[in-house]
Amino acid sequence: MKLVGIEKIAEILDTPAKTIYEWTSTKKIPHYKINRLVKFDIDAVIAWLETCEVKPYNKGTGGKSLKGGKR
């Protein structure tokens, strides 16, 4: 496990640090609180990110996604 801070995870996700702070306060992104420090396990964040993928809608398949994922 490799823990990084908000600035590093914001850089990895190409997202403003302010957004990362919002995600942590609403518990949308996996993180650890060590006293007052917020840290992220890079592997856990990447796994979480993969669950956020939105599958494209395809009328030709009766509304099912192209990859057969759940809607």
PDB file of N, CA and C in Angstrom:
ATOM      1  N   MET A   1       0.856  -1.167   0.000  1.00  0.00           N
ATOM      2  CA  MET A   1       0.000   0.000   0.000  1.00  0.00           C
ATOM      3  C   MET A   1       0.905   1.233   0.000  1.00  0.00           C
ATOM      4  N   LYS A   2       0.623   2.144  -0.913  1.00  0.00           N
ATOM      5  CA  LYS A   2       1.360   3.406  -0.953  1.00  0.00           C
ATOM      6  C   LYS A   2       0.365   4.534  -0.742  1.00  0.00           C
ATOM      7  N   LEU A   3       0.563   5.293   0.340  1.00  0.00           N
ATOM      8  CA  LEU A   3      -0.335   6.398   0.656  1.00  0.00           C
ATOM      9  C   LEU A   3       0.238   7.704   0.130  1.00  0.00           C
ATOM     10  N   VAL A   4      -0.649   8.517  -0.452  1.00  0.00           N
ATOM     11  CA  VAL A   4      -0.264   9.835  -0.961  1.00  0.00           C
ATOM     12  C   VAL A   4      -1.256  10.871  -0.457  1.00  0.00           C
ATOM     13  N   GLY A   5      -0.885  12.129  -0.560  1.00  0.00           N
ATOM     14  CA  GLY A   5      -1.732  13.227  -0.100  1.00  0.00           C
ATOM     15  C   GLY A   5      -2.682  13.725  -1.175  1.00  0.00           C
ATOM     16  N   ILE A   6      -3.439  14.733  -0.816  1.00  0.00           N
ATOM     17  CA  ILE A   6      -4.460  15.288  -1.710  1.00  0.00           C
ATOM     18  C   ILE A   6      -3.838  15.859  -2.981  1.00  0.00           C
ATOM     19  N   GLU A   7      -2.752  16.583  -2.858  1.00  0.00           N
ATOM     20  CA  GLU A   7      -2.146  17.202  -4.046  1.00  0.00           C
ATOM     21  C   GLU A   7      -1.719  16.139  -5.062  1.00  0.00           C
ATOM     22  N   LYS A   8      -1.144  15.040  -4.588  1.00  0.00           N
ATOM     23  CA  LYS A   8      -0.686  13.984  -5.495  1.00  0.00           C
ATOM     24  C   LYS A   8      -1.873  13.281  -6.145  1.00  0.00           C
ATOM     25  N   ILE A   9      -2.924  12.971  -5.372  1.00  0.00           N
ATOM     26  CA  ILE A   9      -4.078  12.277  -5.947  1.00  0.00           C
ATOM     27  C   ILE A   9      -4.815  13.203  -6.909  1.00  0.00           C
ATOM     28  N   ALA A  10      -4.827  14.506  -6.630  1.00  0.00           N
ATOM     29  CA  ALA A  10      -5.435  15.474  -7.546  1.00  0.00           C
ATOM     30  C   ALA A  10      -4.664  15.491  -8.867  1.00  0.00           C
ATOM     31  N   GLU A  11      -3.349  15.408  -8.775  1.00  0.00           N
ATOM     32  CA  GLU A  11      -2.512  15.363  -9.982  1.00  0.00           C
ATOM     33  C   GLU A  11      -2.773  14.080 -10.774  1.00  0.00           C
ATOM     34  N   ILE A  12      -2.842  12.949 -10.085  1.00  0.00           N
ATOM     35  CA  ILE A  12      -3.076  11.660 -10.746  1.00  0.00           C
ATOM     36  C   ILE A  12      -4.423  11.661 -11.467  1.00  0.00           C
ATOM     37  N   LEU A  13      -5.460  12.198 -10.812  1.00  0.00           N
ATOM     38  CA  LEU A  13      -6.807  12.204 -11.389  1.00  0.00           C
ATOM     39  C   LEU A  13      -7.060  13.418 -12.285  1.00  0.00           C
ATOM     40  N   ASP A  14      -6.091  14.305 -12.372  1.00  0.00           N
ATOM     41  CA  ASP A  14      -6.229  15.533 -13.164  1.00  0.00           C
ATOM     42  C   ASP A  14      -7.508  16.274 -12.756  1.00  0.00           C
ATOM     43  N   THR A  15      -7.637  16.462 -11.441  1.00  0.00           N
ATOM     44  CA  THR A  15      -8.820  17.068 -10.837  1.00  0.00           C
ATOM     45  C   THR A  15      -8.356  18.111  -9.823  1.00  0.00           C
ATOM     46  N   PRO A  16      -9.029  19.232  -9.703  1.00  0.00           N
ATOM     47  CA  PRO A  16      -8.616  20.230  -8.715  1.00  0.00           C
ATOM     48  C   PRO A  16      -8.630  19.667  -7.291  1.00  0.00           C
ATOM     49  N   ALA A  17      -7.675  20.093  -6.486  1.00  0.00           N
ATOM     50  CA  ALA A  17      -7.599  19.641  -5.092  1.00  0.00           C
ATOM     51  C   ALA A  17      -8.893  19.965  -4.347  1.00  0.00           C
ATOM     52  N   LYS A  18      -9.530  21.081  -4.679  1.00  0.00           N
ATOM     53  CA  LYS A  18     -10.796  21.455  -4.036  1.00  0.00           C
ATOM     54  C   LYS A  18     -11.851  20.364  -4.242  1.00  0.00           C
ATOM     55  N   THR A  19     -11.889  19.791  -5.430  1.00  0.00           N
ATOM     56  CA  THR A  19     -12.842  18.718  -5.721  1.00  0.00           C
ATOM     57  C   THR A  19     -12.526  17.481  -4.885  1.00  0.00           C
ATOM     58  N   ILE A  20     -11.246  17.165  -4.748  1.00  0.00           N
ATOM     59  CA  ILE A  20     -10.845  16.008  -3.930  1.00  0.00           C
ATOM     60  C   ILE A  20     -11.274  16.233  -2.485  1.00  0.00           C
ATOM     61  N   TYR A  21     -11.094  17.459  -1.963  1.00  0.00           N
ATOM     62  CA  TYR A  21     -11.559  17.769  -0.607  1.00  0.00           C
ATOM     63  C   TYR A  21     -13.063  17.549  -0.482  1.00  0.00           C
ATOM     64  N   GLU A  22     -13.825  17.972  -1.484  1.00  0.00           N
ATOM     65  CA  GLU A  22     -15.286  17.772  -1.457  1.00  0.00           C
ATOM     66  C   GLU A  22     -15.627  16.290  -1.455  1.00  0.00           C
ATOM     67  N   TRP A  23     -14.925  15.511  -2.303  1.00  0.00           N
ATOM     68  CA  TRP A  23     -15.180  14.073  -2.374  1.00  0.00           C
ATOM     69  C   TRP A  23     -14.863  13.378  -1.056  1.00  0.00           C
ATOM     70  N   THR A  24     -13.818  13.834  -0.363  1.00  0.00           N
ATOM     71  CA  THR A  24     -13.498  13.201   0.922  1.00  0.00           C
ATOM     72  C   THR A  24     -14.528  13.569   1.980  1.00  0.00           C
ATOM     73  N   SER A  25     -14.994  14.814   1.965  1.00  0.00           N
ATOM     74  CA  SER A  25     -15.968  15.228   2.984  1.00  0.00           C
ATOM     75  C   SER A  25     -17.311  14.542   2.800  1.00  0.00           C
ATOM     76  N   THR A  26     -17.629  14.144   1.563  1.00  0.00           N
ATOM     77  CA  THR A  26     -18.883  13.431   1.303  1.00  0.00           C
ATOM     78  C   THR A  26     -18.662  11.922   1.175  1.00  0.00           C
ATOM     79  N   LYS A  27     -17.437  11.486   1.442  1.00  0.00           N
ATOM     80  CA  LYS A  27     -17.060  10.062   1.423  1.00  0.00           C
ATOM     81  C   LYS A  27     -17.312   9.400   0.069  1.00  0.00           C
ATOM     82  N   LYS A  28     -17.072  10.148  -1.011  1.00  0.00           N
ATOM     83  CA  LYS A  28     -17.236   9.599  -2.359  1.00  0.00           C
ATOM     84  C   LYS A  28     -15.990   8.865  -2.827  1.00  0.00           C
ATOM     85  N   ILE A  29     -14.835   9.203  -2.287  1.00  0.00           N
ATOM     86  CA  ILE A  29     -13.570   8.622  -2.722  1.00  0.00           C
ATOM     87  C   ILE A  29     -12.937   7.908  -1.522  1.00  0.00           C
ATOM     88  N   PRO A  30     -12.369   6.727  -1.724  1.00  0.00           N
ATOM     89  CA  PRO A  30     -11.758   6.024  -0.589  1.00  0.00           C
ATOM     90  C   PRO A  30     -10.527   6.770  -0.080  1.00  0.00           C
ATOM     91  N   HIS A  31     -10.462   6.934   1.229  1.00  0.00           N
ATOM     92  CA  HIS A  31      -9.347   7.654   1.832  1.00  0.00           C
ATOM     93  C   HIS A  31      -9.179   7.252   3.287  1.00  0.00           C
ATOM     94  N   TYR A  32      -8.052   7.667   3.854  1.00  0.00           N
ATOM     95  CA  TYR A  32      -7.750   7.439   5.264  1.00  0.00           C
ATOM     96  C   TYR A  32      -7.575   8.781   5.943  1.00  0.00           C
ATOM     97  N   LYS A  33      -8.024   8.872   7.186  1.00  0.00           N
ATOM     98  CA  LYS A  33      -7.757  10.058   7.988  1.00  0.00           C
ATOM     99  C   LYS A  33      -6.819   9.632   9.105  1.00  0.00           C
ATOM    100  N   ILE A  34      -5.644  10.224   9.105  1.00  0.00           N
ATOM    101  CA  ILE A  34      -4.644   9.956  10.125  1.00  0.00           C
ATOM    102  C   ILE A  34      -4.482  11.264  10.893  1.00  0.00           C
ATOM    103  N   ASN A  35      -5.095  11.298  12.078  1.00  0.00           N
ATOM    104  CA  ASN A  35      -5.230  12.551  12.824  1.00  0.00           C
ATOM    105  C   ASN A  35      -5.930  13.561  11.919  1.00  0.00           C
ATOM    106  N   ARG A  36      -5.273  14.629  11.527  1.00  0.00           N
ATOM    107  CA  ARG A  36      -5.918  15.613  10.656  1.00  0.00           C
ATOM    108  C   ARG A  36      -5.486  15.472   9.204  1.00  0.00           C
ATOM    109  N   LEU A  37      -4.633  14.503   8.917  1.00  0.00           N
ATOM    110  CA  LEU A  37      -4.146  14.309   7.553  1.00  0.00           C
ATOM    111  C   LEU A  37      -5.077  13.393   6.760  1.00  0.00           C
ATOM    112  N   VAL A  38      -5.287  13.711   5.498  1.00  0.00           N
ATOM    113  CA  VAL A  38      -6.071  12.859   4.596  1.00  0.00           C
ATOM    114  C   VAL A  38      -5.084  12.211   3.635  1.00  0.00           C
ATOM    115  N   LYS A  39      -5.121  10.880   3.571  1.00  0.00           N
ATOM    116  CA  LYS A  39      -4.210  10.128   2.705  1.00  0.00           C
ATOM    117  C   LYS A  39      -5.015   9.158   1.840  1.00  0.00           C
ATOM    118  N   PHE A  40      -4.445   8.813   0.688  1.00  0.00           N
ATOM    119  CA  PHE A  40      -5.113   7.947  -0.278  1.00  0.00           C
ATOM    120  C   PHE A  40      -4.198   6.797  -0.664  1.00  0.00           C
ATOM    121  N   ASP A  41      -4.766   5.597  -0.741  1.00  0.00           N
ATOM    122  CA  ASP A  41      -4.061   4.442  -1.291  1.00  0.00           C
ATOM    123  C   ASP A  41      -4.288   4.486  -2.798  1.00  0.00           C
ATOM    124  N   ILE A  42      -3.219   4.643  -3.558  1.00  0.00           N
ATOM    125  CA  ILE A  42      -3.349   4.810  -5.009  1.00  0.00           C
ATOM    126  C   ILE A  42      -4.111   3.642  -5.634  1.00  0.00           C
ATOM    127  N   ASP A  43      -3.808   2.408  -5.239  1.00  0.00           N
ATOM    128  CA  ASP A  43      -4.495   1.242  -5.814  1.00  0.00           C
ATOM    129  C   ASP A  43      -5.991   1.264  -5.511  1.00  0.00           C
ATOM    130  N   ALA A  44      -6.362   1.670  -4.304  1.00  0.00           N
ATOM    131  CA  ALA A  44      -7.784   1.737  -3.933  1.00  0.00           C
ATOM    132  C   ALA A  44      -8.502   2.811  -4.741  1.00  0.00           C
ATOM    133  N   VAL A  45      -7.838   3.927  -4.975  1.00  0.00           N
ATOM    134  CA  VAL A  45      -8.450   5.005  -5.750  1.00  0.00           C
ATOM    135  C   VAL A  45      -8.634   4.579  -7.206  1.00  0.00           C
ATOM    136  N   ILE A  46      -7.648   3.883  -7.761  1.00  0.00           N
ATOM    137  CA  ILE A  46      -7.770   3.396  -9.145  1.00  0.00           C
ATOM    138  C   ILE A  46      -8.899   2.377  -9.248  1.00  0.00           C
ATOM    139  N   ALA A  47      -9.020   1.480  -8.271  1.00  0.00           N
ATOM    140  CA  ALA A  47     -10.124   0.498  -8.271  1.00  0.00           C
ATOM    141  C   ALA A  47     -11.462   1.224  -8.169  1.00  0.00           C
ATOM    142  N   TRP A  48     -11.551   2.255  -7.319  1.00  0.00           N
ATOM    143  CA  TRP A  48     -12.773   3.043  -7.189  1.00  0.00           C
ATOM    144  C   TRP A  48     -13.101   3.744  -8.505  1.00  0.00           C
ATOM    145  N   LEU A  49     -12.077   4.292  -9.143  1.00  0.00           N
ATOM    146  CA  LEU A  49     -12.268   5.001 -10.396  1.00  0.00           C
ATOM    147  C   LEU A  49     -12.854   4.091 -11.468  1.00  0.00           C
ATOM    148  N   GLU A  50     -12.418   2.837 -11.500  1.00  0.00           N
ATOM    149  CA  GLU A  50     -12.935   1.883 -12.487  1.00  0.00           C
ATOM    150  C   GLU A  50     -14.427   1.612 -12.283  1.00  0.00           C
ATOM    151  N   THR A  51     -14.921   1.747 -11.067  1.00  0.00           N
ATOM    152  CA  THR A  51     -16.354   1.539 -10.815  1.00  0.00           C
ATOM    153  C   THR A  51     -17.184   2.736 -11.257  1.00  0.00           C
ATOM    154  N   CYS A  52     -16.534   3.850 -11.577  1.00  0.00           N
ATOM    155  CA  CYS A  52     -17.239   5.072 -11.976  1.00  0.00           C
ATOM    156  C   CYS A  52     -17.481   5.142 -13.482  1.00  0.00           C
ATOM    157  N   GLU A  53     -16.974   4.173 -14.224  1.00  0.00           N
ATOM    158  CA  GLU A  53     -17.115   4.218 -15.682  1.00  0.00           C
ATOM    159  C   GLU A  53     -18.577   4.148 -16.085  1.00  0.00           C
ATOM    160  N   VAL A  54     -18.967   4.998 -17.013  1.00  0.00           N
ATOM    161  CA  VAL A  54     -20.325   5.005 -17.554  1.00  0.00           C
ATOM    162  C   VAL A  54     -20.277   4.319 -18.908  1.00  0.00           C
ATOM    163  N   LYS A  55     -21.060   3.274 -19.052  1.00  0.00           N
ATOM    164  CA  LYS A  55     -21.098   2.512 -20.311  1.00  0.00           C
ATOM    165  C   LYS A  55     -21.963   3.243 -21.332  1.00  0.00           C
ATOM    166  N   PRO A  56     -21.560   3.230 -22.588  1.00  0.00           N
ATOM    167  CA  PRO A  56     -22.367   3.890 -23.619  1.00  0.00           C
ATOM    168  C   PRO A  56     -23.689   3.173 -23.849  1.00  0.00           C
ATOM    169  N   TYR A  57     -24.716   3.946 -24.145  1.00  0.00           N
ATOM    170  CA  TYR A  57     -26.037   3.408 -24.442  1.00  0.00           C
ATOM    171  C   TYR A  57     -26.093   3.053 -25.920  1.00  0.00           C
ATOM    172  N   ASN A  58     -26.687   1.915 -26.262  1.00  0.00           N
ATOM    173  CA  ASN A  58     -26.752   1.482 -27.653  1.00  0.00           C
ATOM    174  C   ASN A  58     -28.178   1.036 -27.966  1.00  0.00           C
ATOM    175  N   LYS A  59     -28.878   1.812 -28.788  1.00  0.00           N
ATOM    176  CA  LYS A  59     -30.262   1.479 -29.157  1.00  0.00           C
ATOM    177  C   LYS A  59     -30.351   0.123 -29.846  1.00  0.00           C
ATOM    178  N   GLY A  60     -29.332  -0.242 -30.618  1.00  0.00           N
ATOM    179  CA  GLY A  60     -29.354  -1.485 -31.372  1.00  0.00           C
ATOM    180  C   GLY A  60     -29.328  -2.741 -30.510  1.00  0.00           C
ATOM    181  N   THR A  61     -29.027  -2.610 -29.227  1.00  0.00           N
ATOM    182  CA  THR A  61     -28.982  -3.772 -28.345  1.00  0.00           C
ATOM    183  C   THR A  61     -30.160  -3.782 -27.371  1.00  0.00           C
ATOM    184  N   GLY A  62     -31.188  -3.034 -27.713  1.00  0.00           N
ATOM    185  CA  GLY A  62     -32.360  -2.991 -26.836  1.00  0.00           C
ATOM    186  C   GLY A  62     -32.111  -2.185 -25.573  1.00  0.00           C
ATOM    187  N   GLY A  63     -31.178  -1.255 -25.649  1.00  0.00           N
ATOM    188  CA  GLY A  63     -30.899  -0.403 -24.503  1.00  0.00           C
ATOM    189  C   GLY A  63     -29.764  -0.893 -23.635  1.00  0.00           C
ATOM    190  N   LYS A  64     -29.199  -2.050 -23.945  1.00  0.00           N
ATOM    191  CA  LYS A  64     -28.089  -2.561 -23.148  1.00  0.00           C
ATOM    192  C   LYS A  64     -26.813  -1.862 -23.574  1.00  0.00           C
ATOM    193  N   SER A  65     -25.863  -1.778 -22.654  1.00  0.00           N
ATOM    194  CA  SER A  65     -24.610  -1.132 -22.994  1.00  0.00           C
ATOM    195  C   SER A  65     -23.828  -1.996 -23.965  1.00  0.00           C
ATOM    196  N   LEU A  66     -22.867  -1.393 -24.615  1.00  0.00           N
ATOM    197  CA  LEU A  66     -22.062  -2.102 -25.597  1.00  0.00           C
ATOM    198  C   LEU A  66     -21.232  -3.205 -24.970  1.00  0.00           C
ATOM    199  N   LYS A  67     -20.796  -3.019 -23.728  1.00  0.00           N
ATOM    200  CA  LYS A  67     -19.953  -4.015 -23.072  1.00  0.00           C
ATOM    201  C   LYS A  67     -20.755  -4.971 -22.219  1.00  0.00           C
ATOM    202  N   GLY A  68     -22.051  -4.842 -22.215  1.00  0.00           N
ATOM    203  CA  GLY A  68     -22.887  -5.765 -21.445  1.00  0.00           C
ATOM    204  C   GLY A  68     -22.926  -5.499 -19.964  1.00  0.00           C
ATOM    205  N   GLY A  69     -22.472  -4.299 -19.536  1.00  0.00           N
ATOM    206  CA  GLY A  69     -22.477  -3.961 -18.115  1.00  0.00           C
ATOM    207  C   GLY A  69     -23.878  -3.659 -17.611  1.00  0.00           C
ATOM    208  N   LYS A  70     -23.980  -3.566 -16.295  1.00  0.00           N
ATOM    209  CA  LYS A  70     -25.270  -3.225 -15.689  1.00  0.00           C
ATOM    210  C   LYS A  70     -25.579  -1.760 -15.913  1.00  0.00           C
ATOM    211  N   ARG A  71     -26.861  -1.440 -16.043  1.00  0.00           N
ATOM    212  CA  ARG A  71     -27.257  -0.042 -16.201  1.00  0.00           C
ATOM    213  C   ARG A  71     -27.856   0.450 -14.926  1.00  0.00           C
TER     214      ARG A  71
END
